[in-house]
């Protein structure tokens, strides 16, 4: 789909309000991930989520880390996010019972999963529907993430980004070649927004991060010593900043606002970017149709809404 340009057509067809909603939804998604990792929110059988145990040292450190990154950012201190992560990590060894796993280790062999493909099985009747559902999830998860991060980085002007096609191609290629190695989808992740907030807006940032990830194959014990609650403050801070995009919505036009809100809210509450996007597209198309404004909708929106509606009817929403 990327090679033929269909993916670019989909991106270009996304309404401005939905682009804003995707960015805000990713921010809310980051927020719930950060709050969960920090221990500020926890699961509850009665209310689904509730406040966590604030007496835990890890939760206290996460709160301290958030205040630290916010204060340093207000004071324009470079590397505020990284400073917060390193500080909380060091304190975790002293008060939170974190253990140091070492520095260097050899990565595990990829021989058991290398080229271990079952194409015939994947194309069988029982699995083909699963493959198509996962394809849609992957397509809109990655596309939504790229759109949200690119918008926050200021790389999208007038709804278009000259470099987005290259990013889409890099994403698609990595998914394909990663699968040959036996990995889970090597796609764009919404945590990339933290790099944008630190000023990363060029290919040099991506190359640097790629090099560091490569090094992490050999320094995985060191990287594993950084607990989730140390990175949670940085993610939550970025989430707060991404909500600023809401001011770009035309709040006088409910046919734009309601689908945008549906998209943004359902991303964190369904724990899926693709699900939020899909419900947003369906709501957008239905509202425009039922309010006599069908001409405002681009053809690609009708197609996407119909595909997702069919998916939900067919699967009931289950992945």
Foldseek 3Di string as FASTA:
>chain_A
DLVVCPLVVLLLQQDPLQLLLLLLLLLVQLQVLLCVLLQQWDQDPVPRIDGGDCVQPSNVLLVVLLVQLVVCVVVVNAPSLVVLLVVSLVVCVVPRVFDQQDFWDAFDDLVVQAQPDDVVVCPDPVNVLVVVVVVLQLSQQQSSLLSNLCVVLVQADPSDHPCVSVLVVVQVVQQVVVVNSPDHRPGDDNVCSLVSVSPDDDVVSVVVVVVVVVVCSTGVSRVVSRGSSSNSSSSNVSSVVSNVSVVVDPVVDCLSVVLSCQLSVVCNVVVGNSVSSQSSLLSSCVVCVVVVNNVVRDPSSVVSNVVSVVSCVVPVPDD
